[in-house]
C-alpha atoms as a PDB file:
ATOM      1  CA  MET A   1     130.270  76.466 102.137  1.00  0.00           C
ATOM      2  CA  ASP A   2     132.165  80.245 101.233  1.00  0.00           C
ATOM      3  CA  GLN A   3     131.934  82.193  98.258  1.00  0.00           C
ATOM      4  CA  GLU A   4     135.597  80.722  96.717  1.00  0.00           C
ATOM      5  CA  GLN A   5     133.156  76.793  96.499  1.00  0.00           C
ATOM      6  CA  LEU A   6     130.996  78.878  94.410  1.00  0.00           C
ATOM      7  CA  PRO A   7     132.436  81.096  92.290  1.00  0.00           C
ATOM      8  CA  ASP A   8     129.807  81.030  89.825  1.00  0.00           C
ATOM      9  CA  ASN A   9     127.310  82.105  92.042  1.00  0.00           C
ATOM     10  CA  GLN A  10     126.057  85.819  91.787  1.00  0.00           C
ATOM     11  CA  PRO A  11     125.733  87.798  95.522  1.00  0.00           C
ATOM     12  CA  GLY A  12     122.744  86.609  97.638  1.00  0.00           C
ATOM     13  CA  GLU A  13     122.494  83.415  95.718  1.00  0.00           C
ATOM     14  CA  PHE A  14     122.803  79.882  97.674  1.00  0.00           C
ATOM     15  CA  SER A  15     122.609  77.372  94.901  1.00  0.00           C
ATOM     16  CA  LYS A  16     123.515  77.607  91.025  1.00  0.00           C
ATOM     17  CA  ASP A  17     120.229  75.938  90.570  1.00  0.00           C
ATOM     18  CA  PRO A  18     117.377  78.656  90.109  1.00  0.00           C
ATOM     19  CA  LYS A  19     114.687  76.644  92.084  1.00  0.00           C
ATOM     20  CA  GLU A  20     116.874  75.511  95.026  1.00  0.00           C
ATOM     21  CA  ASN A  21     118.180  78.790  95.222  1.00  0.00           C
ATOM     22  CA  LEU A  22     114.543  80.071  95.735  1.00  0.00           C
ATOM     23  CA  ARG A  23     113.461  77.220  97.749  1.00  0.00           C
ATOM     24  CA  ILE A  24     116.371  78.023 100.474  1.00  0.00           C
ATOM     25  CA  GLU A  25     115.712  81.603 100.210  1.00  0.00           C
ATOM     26  CA  ASN A  26     112.159  80.830 101.024  1.00  0.00           C
ATOM     27  CA  GLU A  27     112.977  79.046 103.732  1.00  0.00           C
ATOM     28  CA  ILE A  28     115.225  81.592 105.471  1.00  0.00           C
ATOM     29  CA  LEU A  29     112.561  84.319 104.830  1.00  0.00           C
ATOM     30  CA  ARG A  30     109.971  81.838 106.871  1.00  0.00           C
ATOM     31  CA  ILE A  31     112.777  82.209 109.784  1.00  0.00           C
ATOM     32  CA  LYS A  32     112.883  85.386 109.555  1.00  0.00           C
ATOM     33  CA  VAL A  33     108.695  86.185 109.555  1.00  0.00           C
ATOM     34  CA  GLN A  34     108.847  83.526 112.715  1.00  0.00           C
ATOM     35  CA  THR A  35     111.435  85.468 114.803  1.00  0.00           C
ATOM     36  CA  GLU A  36     111.634  88.885 114.215  1.00  0.00           C
ATOM     37  CA  LEU A  37     107.759  89.238 114.044  1.00  0.00           C
ATOM     38  CA  GLY A  38     106.780  86.502 116.276  1.00  0.00           C
ATOM     39  CA  GLY A  39     104.399  85.038 113.944  1.00  0.00           C
ATOM     40  CA  VAL A  40     103.974  81.181 113.171  1.00  0.00           C
ATOM     41  CA  TYR A  41     104.029  80.722 109.208  1.00  0.00           C
ATOM     42  CA  GLU A  42     103.396  77.934 107.532  1.00  0.00           C
ATOM     43  CA  GLY A  43     104.382  77.169 104.119  1.00  0.00           C
ATOM     44  CA  ASP A  44     101.529  75.866 101.432  1.00  0.00           C
ATOM     45  CA  GLU A  45     102.656  73.819  98.942  1.00  0.00           C
ATOM     46  CA  ASN A  46      99.895  74.537  96.677  1.00  0.00           C
ATOM     47  CA  ILE A  47     101.347  78.379  96.292  1.00  0.00           C
ATOM     48  CA  PRO A  48     103.676  78.507  93.334  1.00  0.00           C
ATOM     49  CA  PRO A  49     107.504  79.293  94.956  1.00  0.00           C
ATOM     50  CA  GLU A  50     107.573  82.850  93.453  1.00  0.00           C
ATOM     51  CA  LEU A  51     104.489  84.091  94.529  1.00  0.00           C
ATOM     52  CA  GLU A  52     105.423  82.514  98.507  1.00  0.00           C
ATOM     53  CA  ASN A  53     108.972  84.838  97.842  1.00  0.00           C
ATOM     54  CA  GLU A  54     106.943  88.079  96.943  1.00  0.00           C
ATOM     55  CA  PHE A  55     104.368  87.738  99.697  1.00  0.00           C
ATOM     56  CA  LEU A  56     107.352  86.978 102.494  1.00  0.00           C
ATOM     57  CA  LYS A  57     109.273  90.079 101.344  1.00  0.00           C
ATOM     58  CA  ASN A  58     106.236  92.106 101.038  1.00  0.00           C
ATOM     59  CA  ILE A  59     105.381  90.835 104.865  1.00  0.00           C
ATOM     60  CA  LEU A  60     108.746  91.907 106.269  1.00  0.00           C
ATOM     61  CA  ALA A  61     108.760  94.960 104.453  1.00  0.00           C
ATOM     62  CA  PHE A  62     105.374  96.098 105.729  1.00  0.00           C
ATOM     63  CA  GLU A  63     106.050  95.104 109.292  1.00  0.00           C
ATOM     64  CA  HIS A  64     109.335  96.675 109.451  1.00  0.00           C
ATOM     65  CA  ARG A  65     107.874  99.897 108.141  1.00  0.00           C
ATOM     66  CA  TYR A  66     104.873  99.758 110.476  1.00  0.00           C
ATOM     67  CA  ALA A  67     107.496  99.095 113.179  1.00  0.00           C
ATOM     68  CA  ARG A  68     109.051 102.868 112.543  1.00  0.00           C
ATOM     69  CA  ILE A  69     106.105 104.921 111.780  1.00  0.00           C
ATOM     70  CA  LYS A  70     105.067 107.891 113.994  1.00  0.00           C
ATOM     71  CA  MET A  71     101.709 109.452 114.863  1.00  0.00           C
ATOM     72  CA  VAL A  72     100.564 112.401 112.670  1.00  0.00           C
ATOM     73  CA  LYS A  73      97.554 114.984 112.437  1.00  0.00           C
ATOM     74  CA  VAL A  74      95.633 113.996 108.909  1.00  0.00           C
ATOM     75  CA  LYS A  75      96.274 117.717 107.851  1.00  0.00           C
ATOM     76  CA  GLU A  76     100.706 116.827 108.358  1.00  0.00           C
ATOM     77  CA  LEU A  77      99.846 113.806 105.738  1.00  0.00           C
ATOM     78  CA  LEU A  78      98.155 116.610 102.911  1.00  0.00           C
ATOM     79  CA  GLY A  79     100.923 118.619 103.453  1.00  0.00           C
ATOM     80  CA  ASN A  80      98.819 121.273 106.295  1.00  0.00           C
ATOM     81  CA  PRO A  81      96.433 122.910 103.655  1.00  0.00           C
ATOM     82  CA  ALA A  82      94.858 125.795 104.309  1.00  0.00           C
ATOM     83  CA  PHE A  83      91.085 125.941 104.431  1.00  0.00           C
ATOM     84  CA  PRO A  84      88.478 128.747 105.406  1.00  0.00           C
ATOM     85  CA  LEU A  85      86.123 127.723 108.336  1.00  0.00           C
ATOM     86  CA  SER A  86      82.902 126.332 107.297  1.00  0.00           C
ATOM     87  CA  LYS A  87      81.350 129.608 108.416  1.00  0.00           C
ATOM     88  CA  GLU A  88      83.158 131.868 106.449  1.00  0.00           C
ATOM     89  CA  LEU A  89      81.940 130.741 102.921  1.00  0.00           C
ATOM     90  CA  SER A  90      78.799 131.075 101.089  1.00  0.00           C
ATOM     91  CA  GLU A  91      76.979 128.374  99.314  1.00  0.00           C
ATOM     92  CA  ASP A  92      78.971 128.799  95.832  1.00  0.00           C
ATOM     93  CA  ALA A  93      82.617 128.718  97.704  1.00  0.00           C
ATOM     94  CA  ILE A  94      81.679 125.679  99.780  1.00  0.00           C
ATOM     95  CA  GLU A  95      81.281 123.765  96.331  1.00  0.00           C
ATOM     96  CA  ALA A  96      84.633 124.882  94.971  1.00  0.00           C
ATOM     97  CA  ARG A  97      86.553 124.310  98.533  1.00  0.00           C
ATOM     98  CA  PHE A  98      85.148 120.958  98.973  1.00  0.00           C
ATOM     99  CA  ALA A  99      86.374 120.104  95.072  1.00  0.00           C
ATOM    100  CA  GLU A 100      89.527 121.161  96.113  1.00  0.00           C
ATOM    101  CA  LEU A 101      89.200 119.251  99.281  1.00  0.00           C
ATOM    102  CA  GLU A 102      88.193 115.666  97.579  1.00  0.00           C
ATOM    103  CA  ALA A 103      90.939 116.522  95.183  1.00  0.00           C
ATOM    104  CA  LEU A 104      93.282 116.569  97.378  1.00  0.00           C
ATOM    105  CA  LEU A 105      92.408 113.711  99.747  1.00  0.00           C
ATOM    106  CA  SER A 106      92.165 111.725  96.393  1.00  0.00           C
ATOM    107  CA  ASP A 107      95.457 112.501  95.692  1.00  0.00           C
ATOM    108  CA  LYS A 108      96.957 111.048  98.943  1.00  0.00           C
ATOM    109  CA  ASN A 109      94.947 108.316  98.650  1.00  0.00           C
ATOM    110  CA  ILE A 110      92.499 109.199 101.693  1.00  0.00           C
ATOM    111  CA  VAL A 111      88.880 108.193 101.774  1.00  0.00           C
ATOM    112  CA  VAL A 112      86.142 110.173 103.927  1.00  0.00           C
ATOM    113  CA  GLU A 113      82.919 108.013 104.271  1.00  0.00           C
ATOM    114  CA  PHE A 114      79.931 109.336 105.381  1.00  0.00           C
ATOM    115  CA  THR A 115      77.060 106.404 105.914  1.00  0.00           C
ATOM    116  CA  GLN A 116      74.015 108.801 106.233  1.00  0.00           C
ATOM    117  CA  PRO A 117      73.579 111.208 103.339  1.00  0.00           C
ATOM    118  CA  ARG A 118      74.884 114.688 104.629  1.00  0.00           C
ATOM    119  CA  PRO A 119      74.866 118.287 103.164  1.00  0.00           C
ATOM    120  CA  LEU A 120      77.815 119.295 101.338  1.00  0.00           C
ATOM    121  CA  ARG A 121      78.582 121.868 104.275  1.00  0.00           C
ATOM    122  CA  PHE A 122      78.202 119.394 107.168  1.00  0.00           C
ATOM    123  CA  LYS A 123      81.041 117.477 105.357  1.00  0.00           C
ATOM    124  CA  TYR A 124      83.601 120.048 104.817  1.00  0.00           C
ATOM    125  CA  ARG A 125      83.170 121.539 108.059  1.00  0.00           C
ATOM    126  CA  PHE A 126      83.946 117.535 109.463  1.00  0.00           C
ATOM    127  CA  ILE A 127      87.070 117.067 107.620  1.00  0.00           C
ATOM    128  CA  THR A 128      88.783 120.653 107.731  1.00  0.00           C
ATOM    129  CA  GLU A 129      88.078 121.440 111.463  1.00  0.00           C
ATOM    130  CA  GLU A 130      87.778 117.957 112.598  1.00  0.00           C
ATOM    131  CA  LEU A 131      89.223 115.216 110.992  1.00  0.00           C
ATOM    132  CA  PHE A 132      92.172 117.371 110.329  1.00  0.00           C
ATOM    133  CA  GLU A 133      93.479 117.751 113.900  1.00  0.00           C
ATOM    134  CA  HIS A 134      92.862 113.723 114.195  1.00  0.00           C
ATOM    135  CA  GLU A 135      96.119 111.525 114.312  1.00  0.00           C
ATOM    136  CA  THR A 136      96.656 108.982 112.621  1.00  0.00           C
ATOM    137  CA  ASP A 137      99.601 107.013 111.665  1.00  0.00           C
ATOM    138  CA  ASP A 138     101.966 108.456 108.819  1.00  0.00           C
ATOM    139  CA  MET A 139     102.559 104.972 107.201  1.00  0.00           C
ATOM    140  CA  GLN A 140     101.990 105.386 103.204  1.00  0.00           C
ATOM    141  CA  VAL A 141     102.289 102.234 101.058  1.00  0.00           C
ATOM    142  CA  GLU A 142     101.809 102.376  97.195  1.00  0.00           C
ATOM    143  CA  GLY A 143      98.346 101.532  96.214  1.00  0.00           C
ATOM    144  CA  MET A 144      96.838 101.408  99.916  1.00  0.00           C
ATOM    145  CA  THR A 145      94.147 103.719 100.562  1.00  0.00           C
ATOM    146  CA  LYS A 146      93.517 105.073 104.545  1.00  0.00           C
ATOM    147  CA  TYR A 147      89.414 105.299 105.242  1.00  0.00           C
ATOM    148  CA  PHE A 148      87.658 107.261 107.858  1.00  0.00           C
ATOM    149  CA  ASN A 149      83.994 106.836 108.425  1.00  0.00           C
ATOM    150  CA  TYR A 150      81.979 110.038 110.069  1.00  0.00           C
ATOM    151  CA  GLU A 151      80.140 107.394 112.232  1.00  0.00           C
ATOM    152  CA  GLU A 152      83.040 106.439 113.763  1.00  0.00           C
ATOM    153  CA  PHE A 153      83.506 109.142 115.405  1.00  0.00           C
ATOM    154  CA  TYR A 154      80.156 110.169 115.802  1.00  0.00           C
ATOM    155  CA  PRO A 155      78.011 106.675 115.941  1.00  0.00           C
ATOM    156  CA  ASP A 156      74.438 106.898 114.871  1.00  0.00           C
ATOM    157  CA  HIS A 157      72.838 103.851 116.957  1.00  0.00           C
ATOM    158  CA  GLU A 158      69.882 104.045 116.296  1.00  0.00           C
ATOM    159  CA  SER A 159      70.567 103.672 112.599  1.00  0.00           C
ATOM    160  CA  ASP A 160      73.054 100.797 113.167  1.00  0.00           C
ATOM    161  CA  ILE A 161      70.674  98.955 114.789  1.00  0.00           C
ATOM    162  CA  ARG A 162      67.934  99.615 112.095  1.00  0.00           C
ATOM    163  CA  GLU A 163      70.103  98.800 109.502  1.00  0.00           C
ATOM    164  CA  SER A 164      71.220  95.331 111.003  1.00  0.00           C
ATOM    165  CA  ALA A 165      67.565  94.258 111.709  1.00  0.00           C
ATOM    166  CA  ILE A 166      66.696  95.444 107.869  1.00  0.00           C
ATOM    167  CA  LYS A 167      69.470  93.393 106.729  1.00  0.00           C
ATOM    168  CA  PHE A 168      69.120  90.147 109.046  1.00  0.00           C
ATOM    169  CA  LEU A 169      65.040  90.237 107.532  1.00  0.00           C
ATOM    170  CA  ALA A 170      66.604  90.451 104.068  1.00  0.00           C
ATOM    171  CA  ASP A 171      68.635  87.706 104.949  1.00  0.00           C
ATOM    172  CA  TRP A 172      65.805  85.946 106.279  1.00  0.00           C
ATOM    173  CA  PHE A 173      63.625  86.646 102.896  1.00  0.00           C
ATOM    174  CA  GLN A 174      66.220  85.510 100.495  1.00  0.00           C
ATOM    175  CA  ARG A 175      67.285  82.034 102.985  1.00  0.00           C
ATOM    176  CA  LYS A 176      70.858  83.397 103.417  1.00  0.00           C
ATOM    177  CA  THR A 177      71.925  81.850 106.540  1.00  0.00           C
ATOM    178  CA  ASP A 178      75.535  82.272 106.371  1.00  0.00           C
ATOM    179  CA  ALA A 179      75.315  86.032 105.620  1.00  0.00           C
ATOM    180  CA  ALA A 180      73.184  86.592 108.990  1.00  0.00           C
ATOM    181  CA  LYS A 181      76.058  85.156 111.021  1.00  0.00           C
ATOM    182  CA  TRP A 182      77.347  88.726 110.908  1.00  0.00           C
ATOM    183  CA  TYR A 183      74.719  90.470 113.018  1.00  0.00           C
ATOM    184  CA  LEU A 184      74.328  87.336 115.679  1.00  0.00           C
ATOM    185  CA  ASP A 185      76.170  87.191 118.924  1.00  0.00           C
ATOM    186  CA  GLU A 186      77.901  84.486 120.275  1.00  0.00           C
ATOM    187  CA  ARG A 187      75.243  83.312 122.028  1.00  0.00           C
ATOM    188  CA  PHE A 188      71.336  83.480 121.822  1.00  0.00           C
ATOM    189  CA  ILE A 189      68.828  83.155 124.690  1.00  0.00           C
ATOM    190  CA  GLN A 190      65.493  82.000 122.983  1.00  0.00           C
ATOM    191  CA  PRO A 191      61.845  83.070 124.704  1.00  0.00           C
ATOM    192  CA  ASP A 192      61.837  79.675 126.552  1.00  0.00           C
ATOM    193  CA  GLY A 193      65.139  80.608 128.529  1.00  0.00           C
ATOM    194  CA  LYS A 194      67.349  78.194 126.448  1.00  0.00           C
ATOM    195  CA  THR A 195      70.755  79.305 125.097  1.00  0.00           C
ATOM    196  CA  PHE A 196      72.317  78.582 122.059  1.00  0.00           C
ATOM    197  CA  THR A 197      75.175  78.968 120.337  1.00  0.00           C
ATOM    198  CA  ARG A 198      75.651  80.962 117.107  1.00  0.00           C
ATOM    199  CA  GLU A 199      76.172  78.014 114.876  1.00  0.00           C
ATOM    200  CA  GLU A 200      73.317  76.165 116.488  1.00  0.00           C
ATOM    201  CA  MET A 201      71.266  79.157 115.538  1.00  0.00           C
ATOM    202  CA  LEU A 202      71.840  78.951 112.294  1.00  0.00           C
ATOM    203  CA  GLN A 203      71.671  75.323 112.223  1.00  0.00           C
ATOM    204  CA  SER A 204      68.251  76.097 113.624  1.00  0.00           C
ATOM    205  CA  PHE A 205      67.529  78.443 110.251  1.00  0.00           C
ATOM    206  CA  ARG A 206      69.106  75.530 108.078  1.00  0.00           C
ATOM    207  CA  LYS A 207      65.798  73.445 109.187  1.00  0.00           C
ATOM    208  CA  VAL A 208      63.209  76.104 108.701  1.00  0.00           C
ATOM    209  CA  PHE A 209      64.839  76.760 105.160  1.00  0.00           C
ATOM    210  CA  ALA A 210      64.467  73.060 104.024  1.00  0.00           C
ATOM    211  CA  ALA A 211      61.255  72.872 104.512  1.00  0.00           C
ATOM    212  CA  TYR A 212      60.518  75.518 102.303  1.00  0.00           C
ATOM    213  CA  THR A 213      61.801  75.820  98.649  1.00  0.00           C
ATOM    214  CA  VAL A 214      61.210  79.751  98.585  1.00  0.00           C
ATOM    215  CA  PHE A 215      60.000  82.855 100.651  1.00  0.00           C
ATOM    216  CA  GLU A 216      57.773  84.868  98.287  1.00  0.00           C
ATOM    217  CA  ASP A 217      55.506  88.440  98.598  1.00  0.00           C
ATOM    218  CA  CYS A 218      57.986  89.720 101.403  1.00  0.00           C
ATOM    219  CA  GLY A 219      57.722  92.737 103.310  1.00  0.00           C
ATOM    220  CA  TYR A 220      58.132  94.171 106.750  1.00  0.00           C
ATOM    221  CA  ILE A 221      57.204  97.434 108.515  1.00  0.00           C
ATOM    222  CA  MET A 222      59.642  98.761 111.228  1.00  0.00           C
ATOM    223  CA  GLU A 223      57.759 100.334 114.226  1.00  0.00           C
ATOM    224  CA  GLU A 224      59.970 100.962 116.803  1.00  0.00           C
ATOM    225  CA  VAL A 225      63.839 101.234 117.410  1.00  0.00           C
ATOM    226  CA  LYS A 226      65.535 101.994 120.729  1.00  0.00           C
ATOM    227  CA  PHE A 227      68.839 101.869 122.459  1.00  0.00           C
ATOM    228  CA  GLU A 228      70.164 102.456 125.926  1.00  0.00           C
ATOM    229  CA  LEU A 229      73.955 102.843 126.402  1.00  0.00           C
ATOM    230  CA  ASP A 230      75.847 102.045 129.651  1.00  0.00           C
ATOM    231  CA  ASP A 231      77.663 105.035 131.304  1.00  0.00           C
ATOM    232  CA  GLN A 232      80.656 102.888 131.797  1.00  0.00           C
ATOM    233  CA  GLN A 233      83.867 102.772 128.990  1.00  0.00           C
ATOM    234  CA  GLY A 234      84.461  99.442 128.536  1.00  0.00           C
ATOM    235  CA  PRO A 235      84.763  97.077 125.519  1.00  0.00           C
ATOM    236  CA  LEU A 236      81.897  95.267 126.750  1.00  0.00           C
ATOM    237  CA  ASN A 237      78.140  95.447 127.633  1.00  0.00           C
ATOM    238  CA  GLN A 238      78.203  98.891 126.144  1.00  0.00           C
ATOM    239  CA  GLY A 239      74.714  99.175 125.487  1.00  0.00           C
ATOM    240  CA  MET A 240      70.854  97.349 124.771  1.00  0.00           C
ATOM    241  CA  GLY A 241      68.586  98.057 121.980  1.00  0.00           C
ATOM    242  CA  PHE A 242      65.799  96.611 119.971  1.00  0.00           C
ATOM    243  CA  ALA A 243      64.199  96.716 117.120  1.00  0.00           C
ATOM    244  CA  GLU A 244      60.834  95.807 116.587  1.00  0.00           C
ATOM    245  CA  GLY A 245      57.715  95.428 113.938  1.00  0.00           C
ATOM    246  CA  MET A 246      55.701  93.115 111.630  1.00  0.00           C
ATOM    247  CA  VAL A 247      56.375  90.730 108.720  1.00  0.00           C
ATOM    248  CA  LYS A 248      55.038  89.065 106.157  1.00  0.00           C
ATOM    249  CA  TYR A 249      55.481  86.651 103.530  1.00  0.00           C
ATOM    250  CA  THR A 250      54.454  83.536 101.881  1.00  0.00           C
ATOM    251  CA  ALA A 251      56.734  80.804 102.529  1.00  0.00           C
ATOM    252  CA  VAL A 252      56.186  77.746  99.693  1.00  0.00           C
ATOM    253  CA  LEU A 253      56.714  74.337 100.215  1.00  0.00           C
ATOM    254  CA  GLU A 254      58.284  71.658  97.917  1.00  0.00           C
ATOM    255  CA  SER A 255      55.067  70.373  97.333  1.00  0.00           C
ATOM    256  CA  GLY A 256      53.955  73.864  96.135  1.00  0.00           C
ATOM    257  CA  GLU A 257      51.570  74.403  99.271  1.00  0.00           C
ATOM    258  CA  ARG A 258      51.635  78.110 100.355  1.00  0.00           C
ATOM    259  CA  LYS A 259      51.218  79.115 103.609  1.00  0.00           C
ATOM    260  CA  GLU A 260      50.819  82.771 104.616  1.00  0.00           C
ATOM    261  CA  MET A 261      53.358  84.172 107.293  1.00  0.00           C
ATOM    262  CA  GLU A 262      52.150  87.052 109.078  1.00  0.00           C
ATOM    263  CA  GLY A 263      52.941  88.823 112.360  1.00  0.00           C
ATOM    264  CA  PRO A 264      55.625  90.574 114.584  1.00  0.00           C
ATOM    265  CA  PHE A 265      59.389  90.286 114.650  1.00  0.00           C
ATOM    266  CA  LYS A 266      61.339  92.111 117.939  1.00  0.00           C
ATOM    267  CA  PHE A 267      65.266  91.836 117.661  1.00  0.00           C
ATOM    268  CA  TYR A 268      66.993  92.379 121.102  1.00  0.00           C
ATOM    269  CA  PHE A 269      70.512  93.802 120.335  1.00  0.00           C
ATOM    270  CA  SER A 270      73.819  94.278 122.927  1.00  0.00           C
ATOM    271  CA  ARG A 271      76.827  96.623 122.367  1.00  0.00           C
ATOM    272  CA  SER A 272      80.133  95.111 122.704  1.00  0.00           C
ATOM    273  CA  TYR A 273      83.479  96.544 120.984  1.00  0.00           C
ATOM    274  CA  ASN A 274      81.407  99.086 119.306  1.00  0.00           C
ATOM    275  CA  ARG A 275      78.965  96.555 117.295  1.00  0.00           C
ATOM    276  CA  TRP A 276      75.612  95.782 117.845  1.00  0.00           C
ATOM    277  CA  LEU A 277      74.695  92.297 117.858  1.00  0.00           C
ATOM    278  CA  ILE A 278      71.197  90.330 117.958  1.00  0.00           C
ATOM    279  CA  TYR A 279      71.067  87.872 120.901  1.00  0.00           C
ATOM    280  CA  PHE A 280      67.611  87.590 121.650  1.00  0.00           C
ATOM    281  CA  PHE A 281      64.652  87.435 119.152  1.00  0.00           C
ATOM    282  CA  TYR A 282      61.421  86.429 118.156  1.00  0.00           C
ATOM    283  CA  LEU A 283      60.106  85.859 114.387  1.00  0.00           C
ATOM    284  CA  THR A 284      57.372  85.026 113.079  1.00  0.00           C
ATOM    285  CA  GLY A 285      58.229  81.682 110.879  1.00  0.00           C
ATOM    286  CA  PHE A 286      60.405  80.661 113.081  1.00  0.00           C
ATOM    287  CA  ASN A 287      59.470  80.953 116.436  1.00  0.00           C
ATOM    288  CA  ALA A 288      55.982  80.066 115.787  1.00  0.00           C
END
């Protein structure tokens, strides 16, 4: 149907009916997503057409912009600012310069995180003398923040293992099986040599939790954390580690009976794709 047959239509319209016009436009946008981006998109009838239209347009705009990006140094994104070396600044001067640096980063929607507490001079030196030279994409989208984490450049493996073990224990004490999956490997080995999938292990947790209403007076002592990295530079089998200590808590049954749990725990970790995950463990109250 050509333009002469639809003289009242506005440019870009497919129908005089706004709803039909939007439906047709969404269908064309879906086809574009599939053909231009190689993806498979299926519409959801529960999504309002107006919202889906905006969503599809944003996807195409983002991907088209992403295809044209280039790699630049962080300092280029910031306009190549001049900051003195940290060793050249006094304690008073470092505070003023760091405040200036933070304001510049915030203005450019860049956030630099330090998982562990670090001195001001340490942060300033890392950002101005290392991160500034790091290459990243030059893609800048309104409302989008670019994040950098110091530990991604210099991983603190001992702290990562310790933190994961503590989070696992916290989830155990609160009986939060779903949260625990973030620290668990895809497969597990138990002391008797049997292997389980992550979901099978979570199901075992649920069976234990079903026997009790709450865990009270919970506590632990972390006695040792160790790790060893593999020399190979591949994404798999990057290292092994463990965290061990003592745990103590009171498990309350539905009858009101209280069972004192006290004994050791030991979590074994493997590192793959830059993540430490638990693949084997012994925990008082679960294994015995």
